[in-house]
Amino acid sequence: MDADDNDWLTLTQAATLMRMTKAAIAQLRYRGVGPKFYRLSAKTILYKRSEVIAWMESRACTRTDDVLASN
């Protein structure tokens, strides 16, 4: 595991890595289906790079209808 894998990401950095908007990631948090996040205060949310990547890899599909089954 690369040392960068455990870097802490801000919401903006996580959104860039995930190629999603911050609002879309907020919806994932609300629904409880996104990567693990860490709420340090009411307005401070961080993500671990390795956990974001692991979540993204867990979303891999082999068929176009696979995504429907995993939601």
PDB file of N, CA and C in Angstrom:
ATOM      1  N   MET A   1       0.847  -1.176   0.000  1.00  0.00           N
ATOM      2  CA  MET A   1       0.000   0.000   0.000  1.00  0.00           C
ATOM      3  C   MET A   1       0.889   1.234   0.000  1.00  0.00           C
ATOM      4  N   ASP A   2       0.610   2.134  -0.879  1.00  0.00           N
ATOM      5  CA  ASP A   2       1.352   3.378  -1.012  1.00  0.00           C
ATOM      6  C   ASP A   2       1.058   4.278   0.185  1.00  0.00           C
ATOM      7  N   ALA A   3       2.028   5.060   0.616  1.00  0.00           N
ATOM      8  CA  ALA A   3       1.830   5.970   1.746  1.00  0.00           C
ATOM      9  C   ALA A   3       0.693   6.951   1.477  1.00  0.00           C
ATOM     10  N   ASP A   4       0.501   7.321   0.215  1.00  0.00           N
ATOM     11  CA  ASP A   4      -0.568   8.254  -0.141  1.00  0.00           C
ATOM     12  C   ASP A   4      -1.950   7.642   0.036  1.00  0.00           C
ATOM     13  N   ASP A   5      -2.046   6.317   0.082  1.00  0.00           N
ATOM     14  CA  ASP A   5      -3.340   5.651   0.186  1.00  0.00           C
ATOM     15  C   ASP A   5      -4.080   6.009   1.469  1.00  0.00           C
ATOM     16  N   ASN A   6      -3.353   6.372   2.509  1.00  0.00           N
ATOM     17  CA  ASN A   6      -3.992   6.716   3.768  1.00  0.00           C
ATOM     18  C   ASN A   6      -4.082   8.223   3.980  1.00  0.00           C
ATOM     19  N   ASP A   7      -3.857   8.985   2.924  1.00  0.00           N
ATOM     20  CA  ASP A   7      -4.026  10.428   3.012  1.00  0.00           C
ATOM     21  C   ASP A   7      -5.469  10.764   3.320  1.00  0.00           C
ATOM     22  N   TRP A   8      -5.659  11.831   4.063  1.00  0.00           N
ATOM     23  CA  TRP A   8      -6.992  12.344   4.337  1.00  0.00           C
ATOM     24  C   TRP A   8      -7.390  13.287   3.217  1.00  0.00           C
ATOM     25  N   LEU A   9      -8.607  13.135   2.725  1.00  0.00           N
ATOM     26  CA  LEU A   9      -9.115  13.970   1.649  1.00  0.00           C
ATOM     27  C   LEU A   9     -10.236  14.854   2.165  1.00  0.00           C
ATOM     28  N   THR A  10     -10.238  16.096   1.728  1.00  0.00           N
ATOM     29  CA  THR A  10     -11.376  16.964   1.994  1.00  0.00           C
ATOM     30  C   THR A  10     -12.523  16.525   1.089  1.00  0.00           C
ATOM     31  N   LEU A  11     -13.685  17.080   1.319  1.00  0.00           N
ATOM     32  CA  LEU A  11     -14.836  16.779   0.473  1.00  0.00           C
ATOM     33  C   LEU A  11     -14.540  17.140  -0.979  1.00  0.00           C
ATOM     34  N   THR A  12     -13.920  18.284  -1.207  1.00  0.00           N
ATOM     35  CA  THR A  12     -13.589  18.711  -2.566  1.00  0.00           C
ATOM     36  C   THR A  12     -12.617  17.740  -3.219  1.00  0.00           C
ATOM     37  N   GLN A  13     -11.602  17.301  -2.484  1.00  0.00           N
ATOM     38  CA  GLN A  13     -10.627  16.349  -3.027  1.00  0.00           C
ATOM     39  C   GLN A  13     -11.276  15.003  -3.313  1.00  0.00           C
ATOM     40  N   ALA A  14     -12.145  14.552  -2.410  1.00  0.00           N
ATOM     41  CA  ALA A  14     -12.846  13.284  -2.633  1.00  0.00           C
ATOM     42  C   ALA A  14     -13.740  13.385  -3.860  1.00  0.00           C
ATOM     43  N   ALA A  15     -14.424  14.506  -4.016  1.00  0.00           N
ATOM     44  CA  ALA A  15     -15.285  14.703  -5.187  1.00  0.00           C
ATOM     45  C   ALA A  15     -14.478  14.658  -6.465  1.00  0.00           C
ATOM     46  N   THR A  16     -13.312  15.255  -6.462  1.00  0.00           N
ATOM     47  CA  THR A  16     -12.440  15.229  -7.644  1.00  0.00           C
ATOM     48  C   THR A  16     -11.999  13.804  -7.946  1.00  0.00           C
ATOM     49  N   LEU A  17     -11.565  13.084  -6.928  1.00  0.00           N
ATOM     50  CA  LEU A  17     -11.122  11.699  -7.108  1.00  0.00           C
ATOM     51  C   LEU A  17     -12.257  10.826  -7.634  1.00  0.00           C
ATOM     52  N   MET A  18     -13.462  11.036  -7.106  1.00  0.00           N
ATOM     53  CA  MET A  18     -14.616  10.221  -7.479  1.00  0.00           C
ATOM     54  C   MET A  18     -15.293  10.719  -8.762  1.00  0.00           C
ATOM     55  N   ARG A  19     -14.868  11.896  -9.236  1.00  0.00           N
ATOM     56  CA  ARG A  19     -15.464  12.520 -10.419  1.00  0.00           C
ATOM     57  C   ARG A  19     -16.973  12.712 -10.245  1.00  0.00           C
ATOM     58  N   MET A  20     -17.315  13.219  -9.051  1.00  0.00           N
ATOM     59  CA  MET A  20     -18.706  13.484  -8.686  1.00  0.00           C
ATOM     60  C   MET A  20     -18.790  14.897  -8.114  1.00  0.00           C
ATOM     61  N   THR A  21     -19.984  15.421  -8.044  1.00  0.00           N
ATOM     62  CA  THR A  21     -20.170  16.710  -7.390  1.00  0.00           C
ATOM     63  C   THR A  21     -20.221  16.498  -5.884  1.00  0.00           C
ATOM     64  N   LYS A  22     -19.969  17.572  -5.155  1.00  0.00           N
ATOM     65  CA  LYS A  22     -20.062  17.484  -3.695  1.00  0.00           C
ATOM     66  C   LYS A  22     -21.504  17.165  -3.274  1.00  0.00           C
ATOM     67  N   ALA A  23     -22.476  17.668  -4.032  1.00  0.00           N
ATOM     68  CA  ALA A  23     -23.886  17.379  -3.724  1.00  0.00           C
ATOM     69  C   ALA A  23     -24.191  15.896  -3.911  1.00  0.00           C
ATOM     70  N   ALA A  24     -23.616  15.287  -4.947  1.00  0.00           N
ATOM     71  CA  ALA A  24     -23.843  13.860  -5.181  1.00  0.00           C
ATOM     72  C   ALA A  24     -23.248  13.026  -4.048  1.00  0.00           C
ATOM     73  N   ILE A  25     -22.075  13.422  -3.580  1.00  0.00           N
ATOM     74  CA  ILE A  25     -21.454  12.704  -2.469  1.00  0.00           C
ATOM     75  C   ILE A  25     -22.272  12.902  -1.194  1.00  0.00           C
ATOM     76  N   ALA A  26     -22.825  14.088  -1.011  1.00  0.00           N
ATOM     77  CA  ALA A  26     -23.691  14.331   0.148  1.00  0.00           C
ATOM     78  C   ALA A  26     -24.890  13.395   0.120  1.00  0.00           C
ATOM     79  N   GLN A  27     -25.443  13.157  -1.054  1.00  0.00           N
ATOM     80  CA  GLN A  27     -26.572  12.229  -1.177  1.00  0.00           C
ATOM     81  C   GLN A  27     -26.150  10.807  -0.819  1.00  0.00           C
ATOM     82  N   LEU A  28     -24.950  10.410  -1.237  1.00  0.00           N
ATOM     83  CA  LEU A  28     -24.443   9.083  -0.875  1.00  0.00           C
ATOM     84  C   LEU A  28     -24.330   8.957   0.642  1.00  0.00           C
ATOM     85  N   ARG A  29     -23.813  10.020   1.288  1.00  0.00           N
ATOM     86  CA  ARG A  29     -23.713  10.001   2.762  1.00  0.00           C
ATOM     87  C   ARG A  29     -25.096   9.892   3.385  1.00  0.00           C
ATOM     88  N   TYR A  30     -26.027  10.691   2.898  1.00  0.00           N
ATOM     89  CA  TYR A  30     -27.386  10.704   3.436  1.00  0.00           C
ATOM     90  C   TYR A  30     -28.040   9.328   3.324  1.00  0.00           C
ATOM     91  N   ARG A  31     -27.844   8.688   2.165  1.00  0.00           N
ATOM     92  CA  ARG A  31     -28.446   7.379   1.919  1.00  0.00           C
ATOM     93  C   ARG A  31     -27.639   6.242   2.556  1.00  0.00           C
ATOM     94  N   GLY A  32     -26.415   6.532   3.000  1.00  0.00           N
ATOM     95  CA  GLY A  32     -25.582   5.521   3.636  1.00  0.00           C
ATOM     96  C   GLY A  32     -25.003   4.508   2.673  1.00  0.00           C
ATOM     97  N   VAL A  33     -24.778   4.930   1.426  1.00  0.00           N
ATOM     98  CA  VAL A  33     -24.280   3.990   0.422  1.00  0.00           C
ATOM     99  C   VAL A  33     -22.924   4.378  -0.155  1.00  0.00           C
ATOM    100  N   GLY A  34     -22.334   5.437   0.330  1.00  0.00           N
ATOM    101  CA  GLY A  34     -21.042   5.893  -0.191  1.00  0.00           C
ATOM    102  C   GLY A  34     -19.886   5.352   0.617  1.00  0.00           C
ATOM    103  N   PRO A  35     -18.709   5.875   0.342  1.00  0.00           N
ATOM    104  CA  PRO A  35     -17.534   5.451   1.111  1.00  0.00           C
ATOM    105  C   PRO A  35     -17.623   5.950   2.553  1.00  0.00           C
ATOM    106  N   LYS A  36     -16.923   5.264   3.447  1.00  0.00           N
ATOM    107  CA  LYS A  36     -16.881   5.674   4.845  1.00  0.00           C
ATOM    108  C   LYS A  36     -16.333   7.096   4.919  1.00  0.00           C
ATOM    109  N   PHE A  37     -16.920   7.902   5.793  1.00  0.00           N
ATOM    110  CA  PHE A  37     -16.448   9.272   5.981  1.00  0.00           C
ATOM    111  C   PHE A  37     -16.272   9.548   7.463  1.00  0.00           C
ATOM    112  N   TYR A  38     -15.559  10.615   7.750  1.00  0.00           N
ATOM    113  CA  TYR A  38     -15.232  10.985   9.120  1.00  0.00           C
ATOM    114  C   TYR A  38     -15.707  12.412   9.353  1.00  0.00           C
ATOM    115  N   ARG A  39     -16.654  12.586  10.255  1.00  0.00           N
ATOM    116  CA  ARG A  39     -17.182  13.914  10.566  1.00  0.00           C
ATOM    117  C   ARG A  39     -16.426  14.431  11.791  1.00  0.00           C
ATOM    118  N   LEU A  40     -15.551  15.398  11.550  1.00  0.00           N
ATOM    119  CA  LEU A  40     -14.760  15.962  12.635  1.00  0.00           C
ATOM    120  C   LEU A  40     -15.494  17.077  13.360  1.00  0.00           C
ATOM    121  N   SER A  41     -16.387  17.726  12.647  1.00  0.00           N
ATOM    122  CA  SER A  41     -17.249  18.755  13.236  1.00  0.00           C
ATOM    123  C   SER A  41     -18.483  18.849  12.342  1.00  0.00           C
ATOM    124  N   ALA A  42     -19.383  19.735  12.679  1.00  0.00           N
ATOM    125  CA  ALA A  42     -20.615  19.868  11.892  1.00  0.00           C
ATOM    126  C   ALA A  42     -20.326  20.190  10.424  1.00  0.00           C
ATOM    127  N   LYS A  43     -19.218  20.878  10.162  1.00  0.00           N
ATOM    128  CA  LYS A  43     -18.918  21.292   8.790  1.00  0.00           C
ATOM    129  C   LYS A  43     -17.654  20.667   8.212  1.00  0.00           C
ATOM    130  N   THR A  44     -16.981  19.815   8.970  1.00  0.00           N
ATOM    131  CA  THR A  44     -15.728  19.224   8.496  1.00  0.00           C
ATOM    132  C   THR A  44     -15.893  17.729   8.296  1.00  0.00           C
ATOM    133  N   ILE A  45     -15.824  17.312   7.040  1.00  0.00           N
ATOM    134  CA  ILE A  45     -15.933  15.905   6.681  1.00  0.00           C
ATOM    135  C   ILE A  45     -14.674  15.525   5.920  1.00  0.00           C
ATOM    136  N   LEU A  46     -14.078  14.418   6.310  1.00  0.00           N
ATOM    137  CA  LEU A  46     -12.887  13.910   5.642  1.00  0.00           C
ATOM    138  C   LEU A  46     -13.116  12.478   5.189  1.00  0.00           C
ATOM    139  N   TYR A  47     -12.332  12.073   4.211  1.00  0.00           N
ATOM    140  CA  TYR A  47     -12.342  10.712   3.690  1.00  0.00           C
ATOM    141  C   TYR A  47     -10.900  10.224   3.637  1.00  0.00           C
ATOM    142  N   LYS A  48     -10.695   8.929   3.794  1.00  0.00           N
ATOM    143  CA  LYS A  48      -9.374   8.338   3.558  1.00  0.00           C
ATOM    144  C   LYS A  48      -9.312   7.934   2.088  1.00  0.00           C
ATOM    145  N   ARG A  49      -8.242   8.316   1.439  1.00  0.00           N
ATOM    146  CA  ARG A  49      -8.073   8.004   0.010  1.00  0.00           C
ATOM    147  C   ARG A  49      -8.248   6.507  -0.240  1.00  0.00           C
ATOM    148  N   SER A  50      -7.652   5.667   0.594  1.00  0.00           N
ATOM    149  CA  SER A  50      -7.722   4.217   0.382  1.00  0.00           C
ATOM    150  C   SER A  50      -9.158   3.710   0.476  1.00  0.00           C
ATOM    151  N   GLU A  51      -9.962   4.298   1.359  1.00  0.00           N
ATOM    152  CA  GLU A  51     -11.348   3.860   1.513  1.00  0.00           C
ATOM    153  C   GLU A  51     -12.211   4.330   0.349  1.00  0.00           C
ATOM    154  N   VAL A  52     -11.917   5.517  -0.167  1.00  0.00           N
ATOM    155  CA  VAL A  52     -12.649   5.997  -1.346  1.00  0.00           C
ATOM    156  C   VAL A  52     -12.346   5.096  -2.536  1.00  0.00           C
ATOM    157  N   ILE A  53     -11.075   4.767  -2.728  1.00  0.00           N
ATOM    158  CA  ILE A  53     -10.689   3.903  -3.842  1.00  0.00           C
ATOM    159  C   ILE A  53     -11.300   2.515  -3.671  1.00  0.00           C
ATOM    160  N   ALA A  54     -11.280   1.973  -2.459  1.00  0.00           N
ATOM    161  CA  ALA A  54     -11.877   0.655  -2.216  1.00  0.00           C
ATOM    162  C   ALA A  54     -13.376   0.682  -2.524  1.00  0.00           C
ATOM    163  N   TRP A  55     -14.061   1.755  -2.125  1.00  0.00           N
ATOM    164  CA  TRP A  55     -15.496   1.878  -2.416  1.00  0.00           C
ATOM    165  C   TRP A  55     -15.721   1.937  -3.924  1.00  0.00           C
ATOM    166  N   MET A  56     -14.901   2.713  -4.618  1.00  0.00           N
ATOM    167  CA  MET A  56     -15.046   2.817  -6.073  1.00  0.00           C
ATOM    168  C   MET A  56     -14.823   1.447  -6.724  1.00  0.00           C
ATOM    169  N   GLU A  57     -13.812   0.724  -6.263  1.00  0.00           N
ATOM    170  CA  GLU A  57     -13.536  -0.595  -6.832  1.00  0.00           C
ATOM    171  C   GLU A  57     -14.658  -1.581  -6.525  1.00  0.00           C
ATOM    172  N   SER A  58     -15.322  -1.412  -5.398  1.00  0.00           N
ATOM    173  CA  SER A  58     -16.429  -2.306  -5.049  1.00  0.00           C
ATOM    174  C   SER A  58     -17.635  -2.086  -5.959  1.00  0.00           C
ATOM    175  N   ARG A  59     -17.656  -0.988  -6.681  1.00  0.00           N
ATOM    176  CA  ARG A  59     -18.753  -0.661  -7.576  1.00  0.00           C
ATOM    177  C   ARG A  59     -18.510  -1.180  -8.995  1.00  0.00           C
ATOM    178  N   ALA A  60     -17.463  -1.954  -9.203  1.00  0.00           N
ATOM    179  CA  ALA A  60     -17.154  -2.486 -10.534  1.00  0.00           C
ATOM    180  C   ALA A  60     -18.285  -3.379 -11.030  1.00  0.00           C
ATOM    181  N   CYS A  61     -18.587  -3.259 -12.295  1.00  0.00           N
ATOM    182  CA  CYS A  61     -19.674  -4.029 -12.910  1.00  0.00           C
ATOM    183  C   CYS A  61     -19.150  -4.762 -14.142  1.00  0.00           C
ATOM    184  N   THR A  62     -19.790  -5.853 -14.461  1.00  0.00           N
ATOM    185  CA  THR A  62     -19.450  -6.575 -15.680  1.00  0.00           C
ATOM    186  C   THR A  62     -20.586  -6.544 -16.695  1.00  0.00           C
ATOM    187  N   ARG A  63     -21.747  -6.072 -16.270  1.00  0.00           N
ATOM    188  CA  ARG A  63     -22.909  -5.941 -17.156  1.00  0.00           C
ATOM    189  C   ARG A  63     -23.577  -4.600 -16.883  1.00  0.00           C
ATOM    190  N   THR A  64     -24.292  -4.100 -17.849  1.00  0.00           N
ATOM    191  CA  THR A  64     -24.932  -2.801 -17.664  1.00  0.00           C
ATOM    192  C   THR A  64     -26.019  -2.831 -16.604  1.00  0.00           C
ATOM    193  N   ASP A  65     -26.626  -3.972 -16.360  1.00  0.00           N
ATOM    194  CA  ASP A  65     -27.665  -4.039 -15.338  1.00  0.00           C
ATOM    195  C   ASP A  65     -27.110  -4.395 -13.954  1.00  0.00           C
ATOM    196  N   ASP A  66     -25.800  -4.610 -13.828  1.00  0.00           N
ATOM    197  CA  ASP A  66     -25.201  -4.899 -12.519  1.00  0.00           C
ATOM    198  C   ASP A  66     -25.410  -3.752 -11.548  1.00  0.00           C
ATOM    199  N   VAL A  67     -25.327  -2.529 -12.010  1.00  0.00           N
ATOM    200  CA  VAL A  67     -25.442  -1.369 -11.125  1.00  0.00           C
ATOM    201  C   VAL A  67     -26.822  -1.319 -10.472  1.00  0.00           C
ATOM    202  N   LEU A  68     -27.852  -1.775 -11.133  1.00  0.00           N
ATOM    203  CA  LEU A  68     -29.199  -1.758 -10.559  1.00  0.00           C
ATOM    204  C   LEU A  68     -29.300  -2.711  -9.390  1.00  0.00           C
ATOM    205  N   ALA A  69     -28.624  -3.838  -9.466  1.00  0.00           N
ATOM    206  CA  ALA A  69     -28.685  -4.845  -8.408  1.00  0.00           C
ATOM    207  C   ALA A  69     -27.914  -4.414  -7.169  1.00  0.00           C
ATOM    208  N   SER A  70     -26.907  -3.530  -7.328  1.00  0.00           N
ATOM    209  CA  SER A  70     -26.062  -3.170  -6.191  1.00  0.00           C
ATOM    210  C   SER A  70     -26.565  -1.960  -5.445  1.00  0.00           C
ATOM    211  N   ASN A  71     -27.592  -1.292  -5.913  1.00  0.00           N
ATOM    212  CA  ASN A  71     -28.108  -0.099  -5.197  1.00  0.00           C
ATOM    213  C   ASN A  71     -29.091  -0.471  -4.137  1.00  0.00           C
TER     214      ASN A  71
END
